[in-house]
C-alpha atoms as a PDB file:
ATOM      1  CA  UNK A   1      35.533 -56.853   9.787  1.00  0.00           C
ATOM      2  CA  UNK A   2      32.361 -54.683   8.188  1.00  0.00           C
ATOM      3  CA  UNK A   3      31.051 -54.252  11.754  1.00  0.00           C
ATOM      4  CA  UNK A   4      34.524 -52.720  12.904  1.00  0.00           C
ATOM      5  CA  UNK A   5      34.521 -50.301   9.839  1.00  0.00           C
ATOM      6  CA  UNK A   6      30.774 -49.208  10.642  1.00  0.00           C
ATOM      7  CA  UNK A   7      31.753 -48.778  14.309  1.00  0.00           C
ATOM      8  CA  UNK A   8      34.593 -46.240  13.459  1.00  0.00           C
ATOM      9  CA  UNK A   9      32.746 -44.705  10.834  1.00  0.00           C
ATOM     10  CA  UNK A  10      29.939 -43.782  13.163  1.00  0.00           C
ATOM     11  CA  UNK A  11      32.371 -42.920  16.079  1.00  0.00           C
ATOM     12  CA  UNK A  12      34.100 -40.490  13.530  1.00  0.00           C
ATOM     13  CA  UNK A  13      30.776 -38.824  12.631  1.00  0.00           C
ATOM     14  CA  UNK A  14      29.631 -38.635  16.228  1.00  0.00           C
ATOM     15  CA  UNK A  15      32.941 -37.072  17.255  1.00  0.00           C
ATOM     16  CA  UNK A  16      33.202 -34.724  14.356  1.00  0.00           C
ATOM     17  CA  UNK A  17      30.158 -32.905  15.491  1.00  0.00           C
ATOM     18  CA  UNK A  18      31.780 -31.601  18.444  1.00  0.00           C
ATOM     19  CA  UNK A  19      30.418 -29.458  21.408  1.00  0.00           C
ATOM     20  CA  UNK A  20      28.521 -26.263  20.913  1.00  0.00           C
ATOM     21  CA  UNK A  21      29.790 -23.478  23.138  1.00  0.00           C
ATOM     22  CA  UNK A  22      27.705 -20.372  23.363  1.00  0.00           C
ATOM     23  CA  UNK A  23      29.185 -17.251  24.765  1.00  0.00           C
ATOM     24  CA  UNK A  24      27.292 -14.316  25.593  1.00  0.00           C
ATOM     25  CA  UNK A  25      28.828 -10.788  25.789  1.00  0.00           C
ATOM     26  CA  UNK A  26      26.757  -8.047  27.548  1.00  0.00           C
ATOM     27  CA  UNK A  27      28.542  -4.849  28.138  1.00  0.00           C
ATOM     28  CA  UNK A  28      27.779  -0.960  27.881  1.00  0.00           C
ATOM     29  CA  UNK A  29      29.796  -0.881  24.916  1.00  0.00           C
ATOM     30  CA  UNK A  30      27.943  -3.072  22.711  1.00  0.00           C
ATOM     31  CA  UNK A  31      25.186  -1.981  20.433  1.00  0.00           C
ATOM     32  CA  UNK A  32      22.611  -3.046  18.230  1.00  0.00           C
ATOM     33  CA  UNK A  33      20.325  -0.862  16.037  1.00  0.00           C
ATOM     34  CA  UNK A  34      17.328  -2.347  13.879  1.00  0.00           C
ATOM     35  CA  UNK A  35      16.287  -0.337  10.780  1.00  0.00           C
ATOM     36  CA  UNK A  36      13.447  -1.106   8.582  1.00  0.00           C
ATOM     37  CA  UNK A  37      13.559  -0.091   4.711  1.00  0.00           C
ATOM     38  CA  UNK A  38      11.041  -0.076   2.105  1.00  0.00           C
ATOM     39  CA  UNK A  39      11.765  -0.354  -1.568  1.00  0.00           C
ATOM     40  CA  UNK A  40       8.722   0.851  -3.686  1.00  0.00           C
ATOM     41  CA  UNK A  41       8.201  -0.781  -7.046  1.00  0.00           C
ATOM     42  CA  UNK A  42       9.121   2.740  -8.566  1.00  0.00           C
ATOM     43  CA  UNK A  43      12.481   2.809  -6.683  1.00  0.00           C
ATOM     44  CA  UNK A  44      14.041  -0.181  -8.489  1.00  0.00           C
ATOM     45  CA  UNK A  45      16.612   1.045 -11.002  1.00  0.00           C
ATOM     46  CA  UNK A  46      17.412  -1.313 -13.897  1.00  0.00           C
ATOM     47  CA  UNK A  47      21.194  -1.883 -14.597  1.00  0.00           C
ATOM     48  CA  UNK A  48      23.196  -3.571 -17.500  1.00  0.00           C
ATOM     49  CA  UNK A  49      26.586  -4.192 -18.312  1.00  0.00           C
ATOM     50  CA  UNK A  50      28.602  -2.137 -21.135  1.00  0.00           C
ATOM     51  CA  UNK A  51      27.077  -4.647 -23.765  1.00  0.00           C
ATOM     52  CA  UNK A  52      23.577  -4.001 -22.628  1.00  0.00           C
ATOM     53  CA  UNK A  53      23.306  -7.444 -21.120  1.00  0.00           C
ATOM     54  CA  UNK A  54      23.094  -9.036 -17.619  1.00  0.00           C
ATOM     55  CA  UNK A  55      20.174  -6.981 -16.290  1.00  0.00           C
ATOM     56  CA  UNK A  56      19.762  -6.696 -12.484  1.00  0.00           C
ATOM     57  CA  UNK A  57      17.770  -4.137 -10.434  1.00  0.00           C
ATOM     58  CA  UNK A  58      19.111  -1.958  -7.629  1.00  0.00           C
ATOM     59  CA  UNK A  59      17.570   0.234  -5.019  1.00  0.00           C
ATOM     60  CA  UNK A  60      20.025   2.701  -2.961  1.00  0.00           C
ATOM     61  CA  UNK A  61      19.393   3.967   0.500  1.00  0.00           C
ATOM     62  CA  UNK A  62      21.194   6.787   2.329  1.00  0.00           C
ATOM     63  CA  UNK A  63      22.523   5.227   5.641  1.00  0.00           C
ATOM     64  CA  UNK A  64      23.950   8.013   7.890  1.00  0.00           C
ATOM     65  CA  UNK A  65      24.236   5.425  10.442  1.00  0.00           C
ATOM     66  CA  UNK A  66      26.996   3.818   8.502  1.00  0.00           C
ATOM     67  CA  UNK A  67      29.777   5.890   9.934  1.00  0.00           C
ATOM     68  CA  UNK A  68      33.585   5.495   9.153  1.00  0.00           C
ATOM     69  CA  UNK A  69      33.885   3.984  12.546  1.00  0.00           C
ATOM     70  CA  UNK A  70      31.126   1.769  11.974  1.00  0.00           C
ATOM     71  CA  UNK A  71      32.377   0.566   8.549  1.00  0.00           C
ATOM     72  CA  UNK A  72      35.526  -0.359  10.311  1.00  0.00           C
ATOM     73  CA  UNK A  73      34.476  -2.263  13.271  1.00  0.00           C
ATOM     74  CA  UNK A  74      30.770  -3.183  12.688  1.00  0.00           C
ATOM     75  CA  UNK A  75      28.628  -5.815  11.262  1.00  0.00           C
ATOM     76  CA  UNK A  76      25.532  -5.674   9.103  1.00  0.00           C
ATOM     77  CA  UNK A  77      22.927  -8.256   8.709  1.00  0.00           C
ATOM     78  CA  UNK A  78      20.096  -7.645   6.175  1.00  0.00           C
ATOM     79  CA  UNK A  79      16.980  -9.620   6.003  1.00  0.00           C
ATOM     80  CA  UNK A  80      14.230  -9.699   3.353  1.00  0.00           C
ATOM     81  CA  UNK A  81      10.749  -9.429   5.016  1.00  0.00           C
ATOM     82  CA  UNK A  82       8.749 -12.063   3.433  1.00  0.00           C
ATOM     83  CA  UNK A  83       5.305 -12.220   4.518  1.00  0.00           C
ATOM     84  CA  UNK A  84       5.589 -13.187   8.163  1.00  0.00           C
ATOM     85  CA  UNK A  85       9.092 -14.307   8.269  1.00  0.00           C
ATOM     86  CA  UNK A  86      12.579 -12.808   7.790  1.00  0.00           C
ATOM     87  CA  UNK A  87      14.821 -14.335   5.271  1.00  0.00           C
ATOM     88  CA  UNK A  88      18.667 -13.538   5.442  1.00  0.00           C
ATOM     89  CA  UNK A  89      20.430 -12.048   2.539  1.00  0.00           C
ATOM     90  CA  UNK A  90      21.464 -13.294   0.158  1.00  0.00           C
ATOM     91  CA  UNK A  91      18.115 -14.565  -0.646  1.00  0.00           C
ATOM     92  CA  UNK A  92      18.131 -17.308  -3.372  1.00  0.00           C
ATOM     93  CA  UNK A  93      15.013 -19.064  -4.739  1.00  0.00           C
ATOM     94  CA  UNK A  94      14.438 -21.255  -7.691  1.00  0.00           C
ATOM     95  CA  UNK A  95      11.133 -20.959  -9.823  1.00  0.00           C
ATOM     96  CA  UNK A  96       9.605 -22.877 -12.639  1.00  0.00           C
ATOM     97  CA  UNK A  97       6.712 -22.382 -14.700  1.00  0.00           C
ATOM     98  CA  UNK A  98       5.650 -24.659 -17.586  1.00  0.00           C
ATOM     99  CA  UNK A  99       7.839 -22.609 -19.892  1.00  0.00           C
ATOM    100  CA  UNK A 100      10.901 -21.668 -17.933  1.00  0.00           C
ATOM    101  CA  UNK A 101      13.026 -22.025 -14.918  1.00  0.00           C
ATOM    102  CA  UNK A 102      14.883 -19.221 -13.095  1.00  0.00           C
ATOM    103  CA  UNK A 103      16.563 -18.257 -10.044  1.00  0.00           C
ATOM    104  CA  UNK A 104      15.904 -15.058  -8.361  1.00  0.00           C
ATOM    105  CA  UNK A 105      18.741 -13.682  -6.042  1.00  0.00           C
ATOM    106  CA  UNK A 106      18.587 -10.624  -3.634  1.00  0.00           C
ATOM    107  CA  UNK A 107      21.721  -9.401  -2.056  1.00  0.00           C
ATOM    108  CA  UNK A 108      22.947  -6.137  -0.820  1.00  0.00           C
ATOM    109  CA  UNK A 109      26.403  -4.132  -0.284  1.00  0.00           C
ATOM    110  CA  UNK A 110      27.121  -1.159   1.993  1.00  0.00           C
ATOM    111  CA  UNK A 111      29.569   1.642   2.210  1.00  0.00           C
ATOM    112  CA  UNK A 112      30.140   4.522   4.326  1.00  0.00           C
ATOM    113  CA  UNK A 113      26.658   6.451   4.282  1.00  0.00           C
ATOM    114  CA  UNK A 114      24.724   4.002   1.970  1.00  0.00           C
ATOM    115  CA  UNK A 115      23.399   0.803   1.171  1.00  0.00           C
ATOM    116  CA  UNK A 116      22.395  -0.702  -2.009  1.00  0.00           C
ATOM    117  CA  UNK A 117      20.083  -3.912  -2.492  1.00  0.00           C
ATOM    118  CA  UNK A 118      20.211  -5.762  -5.654  1.00  0.00           C
ATOM    119  CA  UNK A 119      17.703  -8.318  -7.433  1.00  0.00           C
ATOM    120  CA  UNK A 120      18.852 -10.414 -10.241  1.00  0.00           C
ATOM    121  CA  UNK A 121      16.904 -12.994 -12.154  1.00  0.00           C
ATOM    122  CA  UNK A 122      19.027 -15.757 -13.587  1.00  0.00           C
ATOM    123  CA  UNK A 123      17.336 -15.509 -16.852  1.00  0.00           C
ATOM    124  CA  UNK A 124      17.554 -11.606 -17.103  1.00  0.00           C
ATOM    125  CA  UNK A 125      14.174 -10.957 -18.167  1.00  0.00           C
ATOM    126  CA  UNK A 126      12.589  -7.536 -17.797  1.00  0.00           C
ATOM    127  CA  UNK A 127      10.861  -8.030 -14.537  1.00  0.00           C
ATOM    128  CA  UNK A 128      11.078  -5.043 -12.206  1.00  0.00           C
ATOM    129  CA  UNK A 129      10.702  -6.159  -8.611  1.00  0.00           C
ATOM    130  CA  UNK A 130       7.623  -5.141  -6.843  1.00  0.00           C
ATOM    131  CA  UNK A 131       7.925  -3.161  -3.359  1.00  0.00           C
ATOM    132  CA  UNK A 132       9.920  -4.995  -0.745  1.00  0.00           C
ATOM    133  CA  UNK A 133      10.574  -4.571   2.925  1.00  0.00           C
ATOM    134  CA  UNK A 134      13.900  -5.128   4.482  1.00  0.00           C
ATOM    135  CA  UNK A 135      15.346  -5.118   7.962  1.00  0.00           C
ATOM    136  CA  UNK A 136      18.963  -3.992   8.631  1.00  0.00           C
ATOM    137  CA  UNK A 137      20.579  -4.973  11.967  1.00  0.00           C
ATOM    138  CA  UNK A 138      23.717  -3.240  12.941  1.00  0.00           C
ATOM    139  CA  UNK A 139      25.909  -4.386  15.434  1.00  0.00           C
ATOM    140  CA  UNK A 140      28.976  -2.734  17.020  1.00  0.00           C
END
């Protein structure tokens, strides 16, 4: 009986993985644009809520490429350029020293004509970000 249960469990796991279907679309109407952005250390603006708590930092960029038409039909992928790798946002990393533990989160939002990147430390300590590089990939 145990063997029968094991057989059905393995069969369910193997069949639940399914097939992978990759479809590639290549048309003259499909566009990809890559934009590299740099946020210098002096560009980060500290922000808090109405009670002076929940500190996070933001850096805004003018993005004329984000037109109303793109906003309605496009896709944005943003990457944190970390050494020789690209880390897709949101970037979430956990850190620990002998005295404390915290999580750093980097995320973004965009609107017509602009994009803002946010850096939040889970302990809300005053620790302005250093310079950071980002890659924005637009697809429409």
